[in-house]
Amino acid sequence: MSSPIHYRNPRLQKIVHAKQGKAQLCLGSMELVDQDMEILANFLLRDDTKLTSLNLENNRTGPSGAEHLSLALRTNKVKYL
């Protein structure tokens, strides 16, 4: 995750940006893929993230996306996934 992200998802980035400072983020049924999890992981690694609840149900992520999230969740305060 140290390399810059070249993949973009404007819809996801807009939602994540709008939820800065919020405790909950619902991204269920958005057809998110592994690359989207890298975007989300970078958001979770920010120092100002207050997120404690993250909903990712019914998406299309696999092992690579799970790896991105697991690395970010090690240092984040998310309690409910």
PDB file of N, CA and C in Angstrom:
ATOM      1  N   MET A   1       0.807  -1.202   0.000  1.00  0.00           N
ATOM      2  CA  MET A   1       0.000   0.000   0.000  1.00  0.00           C
ATOM      3  C   MET A   1       0.843   1.256   0.000  1.00  0.00           C
ATOM      4  N   SER A   2       2.125   1.165  -0.011  1.00  0.00           N
ATOM      5  CA  SER A   2       2.971   2.337   0.010  1.00  0.00           C
ATOM      6  C   SER A   2       3.070   3.006  -1.357  1.00  0.00           C
ATOM      7  N   SER A   3       2.788   2.289  -2.440  1.00  0.00           N
ATOM      8  CA  SER A   3       2.836   2.899  -3.760  1.00  0.00           C
ATOM      9  C   SER A   3       1.559   3.690  -4.020  1.00  0.00           C
ATOM     10  N   PRO A   4       1.644   4.716  -4.878  1.00  0.00           N
ATOM     11  CA  PRO A   4       0.464   5.527  -5.165  1.00  0.00           C
ATOM     12  C   PRO A   4      -0.628   4.698  -5.841  1.00  0.00           C
ATOM     13  N   ILE A   5      -1.841   5.056  -5.593  1.00  0.00           N
ATOM     14  CA  ILE A   5      -2.987   4.364  -6.194  1.00  0.00           C
ATOM     15  C   ILE A   5      -3.264   4.981  -7.557  1.00  0.00           C
ATOM     16  N   HIS A   6      -3.315   4.150  -8.592  1.00  0.00           N
ATOM     17  CA  HIS A   6      -3.608   4.633  -9.937  1.00  0.00           C
ATOM     18  C   HIS A   6      -5.074   4.394 -10.299  1.00  0.00           C
ATOM     19  N   TYR A   7      -5.682   3.426  -9.660  1.00  0.00           N
ATOM     20  CA  TYR A   7      -7.094   3.108  -9.898  1.00  0.00           C
ATOM     21  C   TYR A   7      -7.957   4.185  -9.235  1.00  0.00           C
ATOM     22  N   ARG A   8      -9.013   4.574  -9.884  1.00  0.00           N
ATOM     23  CA  ARG A   8      -9.925   5.579  -9.345  1.00  0.00           C
ATOM     24  C   ARG A   8     -11.364   5.064  -9.402  1.00  0.00           C
ATOM     25  N   ASN A   9     -12.128   5.429  -8.388  1.00  0.00           N
ATOM     26  CA  ASN A   9     -13.562   5.170  -8.371  1.00  0.00           C
ATOM     27  C   ASN A   9     -14.191   6.447  -7.838  1.00  0.00           C
ATOM     28  N   PRO A  10     -14.557   7.384  -8.716  1.00  0.00           N
ATOM     29  CA  PRO A  10     -15.075   8.678  -8.286  1.00  0.00           C
ATOM     30  C   PRO A  10     -16.277   8.579  -7.342  1.00  0.00           C
ATOM     31  N   ARG A  11     -17.145   7.613  -7.594  1.00  0.00           N
ATOM     32  CA  ARG A  11     -18.330   7.448  -6.733  1.00  0.00           C
ATOM     33  C   ARG A  11     -17.907   7.080  -5.311  1.00  0.00           C
ATOM     34  N   LEU A  12     -17.020   6.095  -5.177  1.00  0.00           N
ATOM     35  CA  LEU A  12     -16.536   5.688  -3.861  1.00  0.00           C
ATOM     36  C   LEU A  12     -15.770   6.819  -3.195  1.00  0.00           C
ATOM     37  N   GLN A  13     -14.897   7.482  -3.930  1.00  0.00           N
ATOM     38  CA  GLN A  13     -14.111   8.562  -3.360  1.00  0.00           C
ATOM     39  C   GLN A  13     -14.993   9.708  -2.870  1.00  0.00           C
ATOM     40  N   LYS A  14     -16.066  10.002  -3.583  1.00  0.00           N
ATOM     41  CA  LYS A  14     -17.003  11.053  -3.171  1.00  0.00           C
ATOM     42  C   LYS A  14     -17.705  10.656  -1.868  1.00  0.00           C
ATOM     43  N   ILE A  15     -18.151   9.417  -1.778  1.00  0.00           N
ATOM     44  CA  ILE A  15     -18.834   8.940  -0.570  1.00  0.00           C
ATOM     45  C   ILE A  15     -17.886   8.964   0.625  1.00  0.00           C
ATOM     46  N   VAL A  16     -16.678   8.459   0.451  1.00  0.00           N
ATOM     47  CA  VAL A  16     -15.692   8.409   1.528  1.00  0.00           C
ATOM     48  C   VAL A  16     -15.345   9.819   1.993  1.00  0.00           C
ATOM     49  N   HIS A  17     -15.167  10.725   1.043  1.00  0.00           N
ATOM     50  CA  HIS A  17     -14.843  12.113   1.395  1.00  0.00           C
ATOM     51  C   HIS A  17     -15.984  12.762   2.186  1.00  0.00           C
ATOM     52  N   ALA A  18     -17.221  12.487   1.783  1.00  0.00           N
ATOM     53  CA  ALA A  18     -18.384  13.064   2.461  1.00  0.00           C
ATOM     54  C   ALA A  18     -18.553  12.512   3.872  1.00  0.00           C
ATOM     55  N   LYS A  19     -18.019  11.332   4.135  1.00  0.00           N
ATOM     56  CA  LYS A  19     -18.171  10.691   5.440  1.00  0.00           C
ATOM     57  C   LYS A  19     -16.997  10.951   6.384  1.00  0.00           C
ATOM     58  N   GLN A  20     -16.063  11.807   5.996  1.00  0.00           N
ATOM     59  CA  GLN A  20     -14.945  12.117   6.876  1.00  0.00           C
ATOM     60  C   GLN A  20     -15.474  12.645   8.197  1.00  0.00           C
ATOM     61  N   GLY A  21     -14.936  12.136   9.290  1.00  0.00           N
ATOM     62  CA  GLY A  21     -15.355  12.578  10.614  1.00  0.00           C
ATOM     63  C   GLY A  21     -16.592  11.868  11.138  1.00  0.00           C
ATOM     64  N   LYS A  22     -17.195  11.016  10.341  1.00  0.00           N
ATOM     65  CA  LYS A  22     -18.391  10.277  10.758  1.00  0.00           C
ATOM     66  C   LYS A  22     -17.996   8.935  11.358  1.00  0.00           C
ATOM     67  N   ALA A  23     -18.859   8.388  12.201  1.00  0.00           N
ATOM     68  CA  ALA A  23     -18.579   7.111  12.870  1.00  0.00           C
ATOM     69  C   ALA A  23     -18.974   5.915  12.004  1.00  0.00           C
ATOM     70  N   GLN A  24     -19.936   6.083  11.095  1.00  0.00           N
ATOM     71  CA  GLN A  24     -20.425   4.953  10.309  1.00  0.00           C
ATOM     72  C   GLN A  24     -20.227   5.196   8.817  1.00  0.00           C
ATOM     73  N   LEU A  25     -19.925   4.114   8.107  1.00  0.00           N
ATOM     74  CA  LEU A  25     -19.787   4.172   6.660  1.00  0.00           C
ATOM     75  C   LEU A  25     -20.427   2.920   6.075  1.00  0.00           C
ATOM     76  N   CYS A  26     -21.479   3.112   5.297  1.00  0.00           N
ATOM     77  CA  CYS A  26     -22.191   1.999   4.679  1.00  0.00           C
ATOM     78  C   CYS A  26     -21.874   1.967   3.186  1.00  0.00           C
ATOM     79  N   LEU A  27     -21.197   0.911   2.773  1.00  0.00           N
ATOM     80  CA  LEU A  27     -20.827   0.732   1.368  1.00  0.00           C
ATOM     81  C   LEU A  27     -21.371  -0.586   0.831  1.00  0.00           C
ATOM     82  N   GLY A  28     -22.461  -1.047   1.403  1.00  0.00           N
ATOM     83  CA  GLY A  28     -23.063  -2.311   0.997  1.00  0.00           C
ATOM     84  C   GLY A  28     -23.668  -2.234  -0.392  1.00  0.00           C
ATOM     85  N   SER A  29     -23.574  -3.329  -1.139  1.00  0.00           N
ATOM     86  CA  SER A  29     -24.195  -3.497  -2.465  1.00  0.00           C
ATOM     87  C   SER A  29     -23.770  -2.427  -3.464  1.00  0.00           C
ATOM     88  N   MET A  30     -22.502  -2.040  -3.416  1.00  0.00           N
ATOM     89  CA  MET A  30     -22.001  -1.025  -4.352  1.00  0.00           C
ATOM     90  C   MET A  30     -21.162  -1.622  -5.464  1.00  0.00           C
ATOM     91  N   GLU A  31     -21.115  -2.964  -5.568  1.00  0.00           N
ATOM     92  CA  GLU A  31     -20.322  -3.626  -6.607  1.00  0.00           C
ATOM     93  C   GLU A  31     -18.833  -3.282  -6.484  1.00  0.00           C
ATOM     94  N   LEU A  32     -18.359  -3.086  -5.260  1.00  0.00           N
ATOM     95  CA  LEU A  32     -16.956  -2.749  -5.038  1.00  0.00           C
ATOM     96  C   LEU A  32     -16.072  -3.958  -5.325  1.00  0.00           C
ATOM     97  N   VAL A  33     -14.879  -3.693  -5.859  1.00  0.00           N
ATOM     98  CA  VAL A  33     -13.918  -4.737  -6.210  1.00  0.00           C
ATOM     99  C   VAL A  33     -12.644  -4.550  -5.386  1.00  0.00           C
ATOM    100  N   ASP A  34     -11.689  -5.442  -5.586  1.00  0.00           N
ATOM    101  CA  ASP A  34     -10.447  -5.407  -4.813  1.00  0.00           C
ATOM    102  C   ASP A  34      -9.754  -4.042  -4.853  1.00  0.00           C
ATOM    103  N   GLN A  35      -9.696  -3.419  -6.010  1.00  0.00           N
ATOM    104  CA  GLN A  35      -9.029  -2.123  -6.138  1.00  0.00           C
ATOM    105  C   GLN A  35      -9.718  -1.056  -5.295  1.00  0.00           C
ATOM    106  N   ASP A  36     -11.035  -1.167  -5.141  1.00  0.00           N
ATOM    107  CA  ASP A  36     -11.767  -0.219  -4.301  1.00  0.00           C
ATOM    108  C   ASP A  36     -11.359  -0.344  -2.841  1.00  0.00           C
ATOM    109  N   MET A  37     -10.987  -1.557  -2.433  1.00  0.00           N
ATOM    110  CA  MET A  37     -10.565  -1.754  -1.049  1.00  0.00           C
ATOM    111  C   MET A  37      -9.243  -1.038  -0.766  1.00  0.00           C
ATOM    112  N   GLU A  38      -8.435  -0.860  -1.798  1.00  0.00           N
ATOM    113  CA  GLU A  38      -7.193  -0.100  -1.627  1.00  0.00           C
ATOM    114  C   GLU A  38      -7.519   1.374  -1.367  1.00  0.00           C
ATOM    115  N   ILE A  39      -8.483   1.913  -2.070  1.00  0.00           N
ATOM    116  CA  ILE A  39      -8.938   3.286  -1.828  1.00  0.00           C
ATOM    117  C   ILE A  39      -9.462   3.403  -0.403  1.00  0.00           C
ATOM    118  N   LEU A  40     -10.293   2.451  -0.006  1.00  0.00           N
ATOM    119  CA  LEU A  40     -10.875   2.466   1.329  1.00  0.00           C
ATOM    120  C   LEU A  40      -9.797   2.315   2.405  1.00  0.00           C
ATOM    121  N   ALA A  41      -8.832   1.439   2.169  1.00  0.00           N
ATOM    122  CA  ALA A  41      -7.753   1.231   3.135  1.00  0.00           C
ATOM    123  C   ALA A  41      -6.965   2.516   3.355  1.00  0.00           C
ATOM    124  N   ASN A  42      -6.696   3.248   2.299  1.00  0.00           N
ATOM    125  CA  ASN A  42      -5.982   4.517   2.459  1.00  0.00           C
ATOM    126  C   ASN A  42      -6.785   5.507   3.279  1.00  0.00           C
ATOM    127  N   PHE A  43      -8.095   5.501   3.112  1.00  0.00           N
ATOM    128  CA  PHE A  43      -8.969   6.342   3.936  1.00  0.00           C
ATOM    129  C   PHE A  43      -8.880   5.919   5.403  1.00  0.00           C
ATOM    130  N   LEU A  44      -8.905   4.622   5.657  1.00  0.00           N
ATOM    131  CA  LEU A  44      -8.859   4.121   7.028  1.00  0.00           C
ATOM    132  C   LEU A  44      -7.527   4.417   7.713  1.00  0.00           C
ATOM    133  N   LEU A  45      -6.478   4.568   6.960  1.00  0.00           N
ATOM    134  CA  LEU A  45      -5.162   4.830   7.529  1.00  0.00           C
ATOM    135  C   LEU A  45      -4.934   6.306   7.875  1.00  0.00           C
ATOM    136  N   ARG A  46      -5.866   7.151   7.522  1.00  0.00           N
ATOM    137  CA  ARG A  46      -5.728   8.576   7.856  1.00  0.00           C
ATOM    138  C   ARG A  46      -5.850   8.775   9.362  1.00  0.00           C
ATOM    139  N   ASP A  47      -5.091   9.701   9.875  1.00  0.00           N
ATOM    140  CA  ASP A  47      -5.101   9.977  11.316  1.00  0.00           C
ATOM    141  C   ASP A  47      -6.421  10.543  11.810  1.00  0.00           C
ATOM    142  N   ASP A  48      -7.146  11.251  10.949  1.00  0.00           N
ATOM    143  CA  ASP A  48      -8.374  11.916  11.390  1.00  0.00           C
ATOM    144  C   ASP A  48      -9.636  11.058  11.230  1.00  0.00           C
ATOM    145  N   THR A  49      -9.480   9.797  10.893  1.00  0.00           N
ATOM    146  CA  THR A  49     -10.630   8.923  10.720  1.00  0.00           C
ATOM    147  C   THR A  49     -11.265   8.594  12.067  1.00  0.00           C
ATOM    148  N   LYS A  50     -12.576   8.820  12.171  1.00  0.00           N
ATOM    149  CA  LYS A  50     -13.319   8.532  13.390  1.00  0.00           C
ATOM    150  C   LYS A  50     -14.244   7.332  13.210  1.00  0.00           C
ATOM    151  N   LEU A  51     -14.054   6.618  12.132  1.00  0.00           N
ATOM    152  CA  LEU A  51     -14.913   5.503  11.749  1.00  0.00           C
ATOM    153  C   LEU A  51     -14.846   4.360  12.758  1.00  0.00           C
ATOM    154  N   THR A  52     -16.016   3.908  13.215  1.00  0.00           N
ATOM    155  CA  THR A  52     -16.078   2.755  14.114  1.00  0.00           C
ATOM    156  C   THR A  52     -16.954   1.641  13.548  1.00  0.00           C
ATOM    157  N   SER A  53     -17.718   1.923  12.484  1.00  0.00           N
ATOM    158  CA  SER A  53     -18.609   0.927  11.900  1.00  0.00           C
ATOM    159  C   SER A  53     -18.519   0.997  10.378  1.00  0.00           C
ATOM    160  N   LEU A  54     -18.241  -0.148   9.754  1.00  0.00           N
ATOM    161  CA  LEU A  54     -18.057  -0.215   8.309  1.00  0.00           C
ATOM    162  C   LEU A  54     -18.878  -1.371   7.743  1.00  0.00           C
ATOM    163  N   ASN A  55     -19.785  -1.077   6.817  1.00  0.00           N
ATOM    164  CA  ASN A  55     -20.627  -2.089   6.189  1.00  0.00           C
ATOM    165  C   ASN A  55     -20.161  -2.290   4.746  1.00  0.00           C
ATOM    166  N   LEU A  56     -19.732  -3.507   4.447  1.00  0.00           N
ATOM    167  CA  LEU A  56     -19.263  -3.839   3.101  1.00  0.00           C
ATOM    168  C   LEU A  56     -20.012  -5.038   2.512  1.00  0.00           C
ATOM    169  N   GLU A  57     -21.185  -5.330   3.015  1.00  0.00           N
ATOM    170  CA  GLU A  57     -21.899  -6.520   2.552  1.00  0.00           C
ATOM    171  C   GLU A  57     -22.274  -6.424   1.074  1.00  0.00           C
ATOM    172  N   ASN A  58     -22.348  -7.588   0.446  1.00  0.00           N
ATOM    173  CA  ASN A  58     -22.784  -7.731  -0.948  1.00  0.00           C
ATOM    174  C   ASN A  58     -21.944  -6.949  -1.938  1.00  0.00           C
ATOM    175  N   ASN A  59     -20.636  -7.101  -1.857  1.00  0.00           N
ATOM    176  CA  ASN A  59     -19.730  -6.515  -2.836  1.00  0.00           C
ATOM    177  C   ASN A  59     -18.959  -7.635  -3.527  1.00  0.00           C
ATOM    178  N   ARG A  60     -18.041  -7.288  -4.414  1.00  0.00           N
ATOM    179  CA  ARG A  60     -17.337  -8.291  -5.219  1.00  0.00           C
ATOM    180  C   ARG A  60     -15.838  -8.315  -4.922  1.00  0.00           C
ATOM    181  N   THR A  61     -15.499  -8.203  -3.677  1.00  0.00           N
ATOM    182  CA  THR A  61     -14.085  -8.204  -3.316  1.00  0.00           C
ATOM    183  C   THR A  61     -13.600  -9.615  -3.028  1.00  0.00           C
ATOM    184  N   GLY A  62     -12.318  -9.821  -3.242  1.00  0.00           N
ATOM    185  CA  GLY A  62     -11.720 -11.121  -3.017  1.00  0.00           C
ATOM    186  C   GLY A  62     -10.546 -11.027  -2.063  1.00  0.00           C
ATOM    187  N   PRO A  63      -9.626 -11.983  -2.148  1.00  0.00           N
ATOM    188  CA  PRO A  63      -8.490 -12.028  -1.226  1.00  0.00           C
ATOM    189  C   PRO A  63      -7.610 -10.778  -1.259  1.00  0.00           C
ATOM    190  N   SER A  64      -7.385 -10.221  -2.423  1.00  0.00           N
ATOM    191  CA  SER A  64      -6.541  -9.028  -2.521  1.00  0.00           C
ATOM    192  C   SER A  64      -7.187  -7.842  -1.802  1.00  0.00           C
ATOM    193  N   GLY A  65      -8.473  -7.668  -1.988  1.00  0.00           N
ATOM    194  CA  GLY A  65      -9.194  -6.592  -1.305  1.00  0.00           C
ATOM    195  C   GLY A  65      -9.204  -6.798   0.197  1.00  0.00           C
ATOM    196  N   ALA A  66      -9.371  -8.040   0.617  1.00  0.00           N
ATOM    197  CA  ALA A  66      -9.352  -8.359   2.049  1.00  0.00           C
ATOM    198  C   ALA A  66      -7.989  -8.050   2.648  1.00  0.00           C
ATOM    199  N   GLU A  67      -6.934  -8.302   1.888  1.00  0.00           N
ATOM    200  CA  GLU A  67      -5.586  -8.006   2.380  1.00  0.00           C
ATOM    201  C   GLU A  67      -5.390  -6.499   2.586  1.00  0.00           C
ATOM    202  N   HIS A  68      -5.847  -5.706   1.630  1.00  0.00           N
ATOM    203  CA  HIS A  68      -5.755  -4.245   1.780  1.00  0.00           C
ATOM    204  C   HIS A  68      -6.471  -3.796   3.052  1.00  0.00           C
ATOM    205  N   LEU A  69      -7.676  -4.316   3.235  1.00  0.00           N
ATOM    206  CA  LEU A  69      -8.456  -3.927   4.424  1.00  0.00           C
ATOM    207  C   LEU A  69      -7.817  -4.409   5.711  1.00  0.00           C
ATOM    208  N   SER A  70      -7.320  -5.614   5.725  1.00  0.00           N
ATOM    209  CA  SER A  70      -6.753  -6.154   6.964  1.00  0.00           C
ATOM    210  C   SER A  70      -5.548  -5.343   7.421  1.00  0.00           C
ATOM    211  N   LEU A  71      -4.734  -4.903   6.486  1.00  0.00           N
ATOM    212  CA  LEU A  71      -3.577  -4.084   6.845  1.00  0.00           C
ATOM    213  C   LEU A  71      -4.020  -2.750   7.451  1.00  0.00           C
ATOM    214  N   ALA A  72      -5.048  -2.151   6.880  1.00  0.00           N
ATOM    215  CA  ALA A  72      -5.540  -0.868   7.396  1.00  0.00           C
ATOM    216  C   ALA A  72      -6.249  -1.029   8.726  1.00  0.00           C
ATOM    217  N   LEU A  73      -6.972  -2.125   8.902  1.00  0.00           N
ATOM    218  CA  LEU A  73      -7.743  -2.314  10.133  1.00  0.00           C
ATOM    219  C   LEU A  73      -6.866  -2.617  11.343  1.00  0.00           C
ATOM    220  N   ARG A  74      -5.632  -3.007  11.106  1.00  0.00           N
ATOM    221  CA  ARG A  74      -4.713  -3.246  12.225  1.00  0.00           C
ATOM    222  C   ARG A  74      -4.453  -1.986  13.018  1.00  0.00           C
ATOM    223  N   THR A  75      -4.506  -0.843  12.376  1.00  0.00           N
ATOM    224  CA  THR A  75      -4.198   0.416  13.047  1.00  0.00           C
ATOM    225  C   THR A  75      -5.406   1.320  13.189  1.00  0.00           C
ATOM    226  N   ASN A  76      -6.578   0.856  12.802  1.00  0.00           N
ATOM    227  CA  ASN A  76      -7.782   1.688  12.840  1.00  0.00           C
ATOM    228  C   ASN A  76      -8.664   1.291  13.997  1.00  0.00           C
ATOM    229  N   LYS A  77      -9.647   2.133  14.297  1.00  0.00           N
ATOM    230  CA  LYS A  77     -10.536   1.915  15.427  1.00  0.00           C
ATOM    231  C   LYS A  77     -11.872   1.282  15.048  1.00  0.00           C
ATOM    232  N   VAL A  78     -12.003   0.756  13.848  1.00  0.00           N
ATOM    233  CA  VAL A  78     -13.259   0.155  13.423  1.00  0.00           C
ATOM    234  C   VAL A  78     -13.566  -1.027  14.327  1.00  0.00           C
ATOM    235  N   LYS A  79     -14.756  -1.006  14.929  1.00  0.00           N
ATOM    236  CA  LYS A  79     -15.181  -2.065  15.839  1.00  0.00           C
ATOM    237  C   LYS A  79     -16.172  -3.024  15.186  1.00  0.00           C
ATOM    238  N   TYR A  80     -16.919  -2.517  14.217  1.00  0.00           N
ATOM    239  CA  TYR A  80     -17.973  -3.302  13.573  1.00  0.00           C
ATOM    240  C   TYR A  80     -17.746  -3.318  12.078  1.00  0.00           C
ATOM    241  N   LEU A  81     -17.586  -4.535  11.544  1.00  0.00           N
ATOM    242  CA  LEU A  81     -17.360  -4.692  10.115  1.00  0.00           C
ATOM    243  C   LEU A  81     -18.404  -5.610   9.542  1.00  0.00           C
TER     244      LEU A  81
END
